[in-house]
Amino acid sequence: MLRRLRGRPAPVPDSVWADACQQGPWLAALPPARRDRLRGLAGLFLQRKSITPLDGLELDGSQRCLLAALCCLPLLEFGEEGLHGWSQLLVYPEAFRVQRSHVDAAGVLHEWHDELIGEAWEAGPLVLSWADVLADCADPHAGFCVAAHEMAHKLDVLDGAMDGTPPLPRDWQREWARDFQAAFEDFCRQVDAGAATAIDPYAAEAEEEFFAVATEYHFSDPATLRAALPAVAHHLERLYGPPPFGPHPAG
């Protein structure tokens, strides 16, 4: 009802969208029909989400549009339902520190700080480092896209569990769970054995990180993903549509 009352957002102005596409290579690489769809999703994002720069960071309209579009890249096929469940994007100028705590089996409390470039809270905001968003845009074939990584977590949790499986039709969900689990376990064996892997070894941290890291490769280095994890690449092309870039350009 609230969405109906708000109505559809006004189109992103031409000049703002052109600037965002110039800054974001993934946007410029999309064929026209998919770029238009992304423009509409970015408009919805800008209407429904507050983008809050922190620690003195300032973002102009084109930069906000770029952030919205990058966050919506994984929604080109999934649709606006992927925006449900949260309302705020927090943007730090650079990597940010968060305090962690854990009580071990002996009841001892351990506390430490992590330095992060992105974070997706299960029932809260999405957080990004602006410096790392820009670094991804400057080298879009390197296998990194922090905005897509964190949005994969937001898709993952839509079914109530962050476990590496987004909400899917039942038959596909079974196929996904089978193929992803087999690929994840094989990847973890390679990492545990100290083998060099084509995919960032951070993907072995947990099933949800495996999904999110693979998502980055889908958008930024799909040829490496297809070669290293063909079954995973197939599922992600079905979930996200064809990647904006083809094989990694030579040179």
Protein backbone atom coordinates (compact mmCIF):
# COMPACT_ATOMS: atom_id res chain seq x y z
CA MET A 1 0.00 0.00 0.00
CA LEU A 2 2.79 2.42 0.89
CA ARG A 3 4.48 1.74 -2.44
CA ARG A 4 1.22 2.48 -4.26
CA LEU A 5 0.81 5.74 -2.33
CA ARG A 6 4.35 6.79 -3.17
CA GLY A 7 3.84 6.00 -6.84
CA ARG A 8 6.60 5.31 -9.28
CA PRO A 9 9.70 7.50 -8.95
CA ALA A 10 10.47 10.26 -11.39
CA PRO A 11 12.98 9.13 -14.02
CA VAL A 12 16.62 9.72 -13.22
CA PRO A 13 17.53 12.93 -15.11
CA ASP A 14 19.43 12.35 -18.33
CA SER A 15 22.49 14.32 -17.26
CA VAL A 16 22.71 12.52 -13.90
CA TRP A 17 22.36 9.11 -15.55
CA ALA A 18 24.97 9.97 -18.20
CA ASP A 19 27.44 11.00 -15.49
CA ALA A 20 26.76 7.81 -13.51
CA CYS A 21 27.34 5.67 -16.61
CA GLN A 22 30.58 7.50 -17.32
CA GLN A 23 31.81 6.73 -13.79
CA GLY A 24 30.54 3.14 -13.69
CA PRO A 25 31.93 0.86 -16.42
CA TRP A 26 29.37 -1.86 -15.65
CA LEU A 27 26.55 0.53 -16.49
CA ALA A 28 28.09 1.64 -19.77
CA ALA A 29 28.75 -1.98 -20.79
CA LEU A 30 25.10 -3.04 -20.57
CA PRO A 31 23.06 -3.29 -23.77
CA PRO A 32 20.51 -0.45 -24.08
CA ALA A 33 17.43 -2.38 -22.91
CA ARG A 34 19.14 -3.66 -19.77
CA ARG A 35 20.68 -0.23 -19.09
CA ASP A 36 17.20 1.29 -19.24
CA ARG A 37 15.94 -1.34 -16.80
CA LEU A 38 18.82 -0.56 -14.45
CA ARG A 39 18.01 3.15 -14.71
CA GLY A 40 14.47 2.41 -13.54
CA LEU A 41 15.71 0.29 -10.63
CA ALA A 42 18.19 3.00 -9.64
CA GLY A 43 15.31 5.48 -9.56
CA LEU A 44 13.41 3.15 -7.22
CA PHE A 45 16.49 2.81 -5.02
CA LEU A 46 16.89 6.57 -4.79
CA GLN A 47 13.22 6.92 -3.88
CA ARG A 48 13.10 4.15 -1.27
CA LYS A 49 16.55 4.24 0.32
CA SER A 50 18.30 7.00 2.17
CA ILE A 51 21.97 7.35 1.21
CA THR A 52 23.90 8.71 4.18
CA PRO A 53 27.54 9.80 3.72
CA LEU A 54 29.59 9.66 6.92
CA ASP A 55 32.76 11.20 8.38
CA GLY A 56 32.63 14.34 6.26
CA LEU A 57 32.06 12.60 2.93
CA GLU A 58 29.92 14.53 0.44
CA LEU A 59 28.15 12.91 -2.51
CA ASP A 60 26.57 14.74 -5.41
CA GLY A 61 23.55 13.56 -7.37
CA SER A 62 25.54 11.64 -9.96
CA GLN A 63 27.57 9.86 -7.29
CA ARG A 64 24.40 8.89 -5.42
CA CYS A 65 22.96 7.62 -8.69
CA LEU A 66 26.13 5.59 -9.32
CA LEU A 67 25.82 3.95 -5.91
CA ALA A 68 22.15 3.18 -6.50
CA ALA A 69 22.87 1.67 -9.92
CA LEU A 70 25.75 -0.49 -8.65
CA CYS A 71 23.57 -1.80 -5.85
CA CYS A 72 20.84 -2.61 -8.36
CA LEU A 73 23.07 -4.48 -10.84
CA PRO A 74 22.24 -7.83 -9.16
CA LEU A 75 18.51 -7.01 -9.43
CA LEU A 76 18.30 -6.72 -13.21
CA GLU A 77 16.51 -10.08 -13.45
CA PHE A 78 15.40 -10.51 -9.83
CA GLY A 79 13.56 -7.19 -9.84
CA GLU A 80 12.63 -4.60 -7.24
CA GLU A 81 11.69 -7.28 -4.68
CA GLY A 82 15.41 -7.40 -3.99
CA LEU A 83 15.14 -3.98 -2.34
CA HIS A 84 12.85 -5.22 0.44
CA GLY A 85 13.80 -5.44 4.10
CA TRP A 86 16.10 -2.44 4.60
CA SER A 87 16.04 1.30 4.10
CA GLN A 88 19.51 2.86 4.35
CA LEU A 89 22.86 2.86 2.57
CA LEU A 90 25.70 4.18 4.73
CA VAL A 91 28.81 5.35 2.89
CA TYR A 92 32.18 5.87 4.58
CA PRO A 93 34.97 7.76 2.81
CA GLU A 94 37.32 4.76 3.15
CA ALA A 95 37.53 1.37 4.85
CA PHE A 96 35.91 1.48 8.29
CA ARG A 97 36.48 -0.25 11.60
CA VAL A 98 33.85 -2.29 13.44
CA GLN A 99 34.06 -3.90 16.86
CA ARG A 100 33.47 -7.64 17.05
CA SER A 101 32.89 -9.90 20.05
CA HIS A 102 32.57 -13.65 20.55
CA VAL A 103 32.07 -15.86 23.58
CA ASP A 104 34.00 -19.12 23.17
CA ALA A 105 33.02 -22.57 24.44
CA ALA A 106 34.72 -21.85 27.77
CA GLY A 107 32.60 -18.74 28.28
CA VAL A 108 35.48 -16.34 27.62
CA LEU A 109 34.55 -13.10 25.84
CA HIS A 110 36.86 -12.15 22.97
CA GLU A 111 36.72 -8.64 21.46
CA TRP A 112 38.55 -7.26 18.45
CA HIS A 113 38.26 -4.78 15.59
CA ASP A 114 37.85 -5.58 11.90
CA GLU A 115 38.58 -3.18 9.06
CA LEU A 116 35.92 -3.56 6.38
CA ILE A 117 35.17 -2.13 2.95
CA GLY A 118 31.53 -3.23 3.02
CA GLU A 119 28.95 -4.81 5.26
CA ALA A 120 25.34 -5.93 4.96
CA TRP A 121 23.36 -6.20 8.17
CA GLU A 122 20.73 -8.93 8.16
CA ALA A 123 18.02 -6.53 9.36
CA GLY A 124 19.64 -3.17 8.84
CA PRO A 125 21.62 -0.98 6.50
CA LEU A 126 24.06 -1.77 3.75
CA VAL A 127 27.47 -0.13 4.33
CA LEU A 128 30.10 0.69 1.70
CA SER A 129 33.51 2.34 1.48
CA TRP A 130 33.36 5.05 -1.20
CA ALA A 131 37.10 4.76 -1.88
CA ASP A 132 36.68 1.06 -2.63
CA VAL A 133 33.64 1.64 -4.84
CA LEU A 134 35.81 4.05 -6.87
CA ALA A 135 38.69 1.56 -6.92
CA ASP A 136 36.35 -1.09 -8.31
CA CYS A 137 35.16 1.30 -11.02
CA ALA A 138 38.77 2.15 -11.92
CA ASP A 139 39.63 -1.54 -12.45
CA PRO A 140 36.32 -3.22 -13.32
CA HIS A 141 37.83 -6.50 -14.61
CA ALA A 142 39.82 -7.33 -11.46
CA GLY A 143 37.26 -9.64 -9.82
CA PHE A 144 36.03 -7.08 -7.28
CA CYS A 145 32.75 -5.20 -6.93
CA VAL A 146 31.99 -4.47 -3.29
CA ALA A 147 28.51 -3.13 -4.00
CA ALA A 148 27.51 -6.34 -5.80
CA HIS A 149 29.07 -8.41 -2.99
CA GLU A 150 27.01 -6.73 -0.29
CA MET A 151 23.83 -6.80 -2.39
CA ALA A 152 24.30 -10.55 -2.80
CA HIS A 153 24.08 -10.77 0.99
CA LYS A 154 20.86 -8.72 0.91
CA LEU A 155 19.38 -11.13 -1.66
CA ASP A 156 20.63 -14.10 0.33
CA VAL A 157 18.81 -13.08 3.51
CA LEU A 158 15.44 -12.43 1.84
CA ASP A 159 14.35 -16.00 2.61
CA GLY A 160 15.17 -15.52 6.29
CA ALA A 161 18.61 -17.17 6.37
CA MET A 162 21.99 -15.93 5.18
CA ASP A 163 23.27 -19.26 3.89
CA GLY A 164 24.39 -18.70 0.32
CA THR A 165 21.01 -19.42 -1.26
CA PRO A 166 18.68 -16.57 -2.27
CA PRO A 167 14.92 -17.14 -2.57
CA LEU A 168 14.33 -19.25 -5.68
CA PRO A 169 11.63 -21.51 -7.13
CA ARG A 170 11.72 -24.86 -5.30
CA ASP A 171 13.21 -27.01 -8.08
CA TRP A 172 15.89 -24.45 -8.87
CA GLN A 173 16.65 -23.99 -5.18
CA ARG A 174 17.40 -27.70 -4.85
CA GLU A 175 19.71 -27.61 -7.88
CA TRP A 176 21.38 -24.45 -6.60
CA ALA A 177 21.96 -25.90 -3.11
CA ARG A 178 23.39 -29.12 -4.56
CA ASP A 179 25.75 -27.43 -7.02
CA PHE A 180 26.86 -24.61 -4.73
CA GLN A 181 27.53 -26.95 -1.81
CA ALA A 182 29.62 -29.30 -3.95
CA ALA A 183 31.58 -26.37 -5.42
CA PHE A 184 32.04 -24.75 -2.00
CA GLU A 185 33.33 -27.93 -0.38
CA ASP A 186 35.75 -28.55 -3.25
CA PHE A 187 36.95 -24.94 -3.09
CA CYS A 188 37.49 -25.19 0.67
CA ARG A 189 39.58 -28.34 0.17
CA GLN A 190 41.79 -26.45 -2.28
CA VAL A 191 42.22 -23.51 0.09
CA ASP A 192 42.91 -25.77 3.09
CA ALA A 193 45.56 -27.59 1.05
CA GLY A 194 47.29 -24.30 0.31
CA ALA A 195 46.59 -24.51 -3.42
CA ALA A 196 46.57 -21.36 -5.52
CA THR A 197 43.00 -20.59 -6.56
CA ALA A 198 41.75 -18.45 -9.41
CA ILE A 199 38.96 -17.18 -7.15
CA ASP A 200 39.70 -15.06 -4.06
CA PRO A 201 40.24 -17.54 -1.15
CA TYR A 202 37.99 -15.36 1.03
CA ALA A 203 35.18 -17.26 -0.66
CA ALA A 204 36.06 -20.24 1.59
CA GLU A 205 35.04 -18.33 4.75
CA ALA A 206 31.41 -19.49 4.61
CA GLU A 207 28.69 -20.47 2.17
CA GLU A 208 27.31 -16.93 2.12
CA GLU A 209 30.75 -15.46 1.33
CA PHE A 210 31.22 -18.03 -1.44
CA PHE A 211 28.00 -16.79 -3.05
CA ALA A 212 28.93 -13.12 -2.59
CA VAL A 213 32.49 -13.48 -3.91
CA ALA A 214 31.24 -15.49 -6.90
CA THR A 215 28.78 -12.66 -7.53
CA GLU A 216 31.69 -10.21 -7.76
CA TYR A 217 33.37 -12.40 -10.36
CA HIS A 218 30.15 -12.70 -12.34
CA PHE A 219 30.12 -8.94 -12.79
CA SER A 220 33.84 -8.21 -12.98
CA ASP A 221 35.66 -11.31 -14.28
CA PRO A 222 33.11 -13.77 -15.66
CA ALA A 223 35.65 -15.69 -17.77
CA THR A 224 37.61 -16.67 -14.64
CA LEU A 225 34.40 -17.67 -12.86
CA ARG A 226 33.28 -19.87 -15.77
CA ALA A 227 36.66 -21.58 -15.94
CA ALA A 228 37.01 -22.14 -12.19
CA LEU A 229 33.40 -22.77 -11.13
CA PRO A 230 31.30 -23.59 -14.22
CA ALA A 231 28.20 -24.83 -12.35
CA VAL A 232 28.22 -21.75 -10.11
CA ALA A 233 28.67 -19.47 -13.12
CA HIS A 234 25.67 -21.11 -14.81
CA HIS A 235 23.42 -20.48 -11.81
CA LEU A 236 24.57 -16.87 -11.48
CA GLU A 237 23.92 -16.16 -15.15
CA ARG A 238 20.42 -17.51 -14.61
CA LEU A 239 19.97 -15.35 -11.47
CA TYR A 240 21.58 -12.14 -12.71
CA GLY A 241 21.36 -12.43 -16.47
CA PRO A 242 24.41 -12.21 -18.73
CA PRO A 243 27.35 -10.35 -17.18
CA PRO A 244 27.98 -6.83 -18.49
CA PHE A 245 31.44 -7.83 -19.68
CA GLY A 246 32.35 -10.80 -21.79
CA PRO A 247 35.73 -12.53 -21.40
CA HIS A 248 38.47 -10.45 -19.82
CA PRO A 249 39.94 -8.16 -22.48
CA ALA A 250 43.48 -8.93 -23.47
CA GLY A 251 46.31 -6.62 -22.54
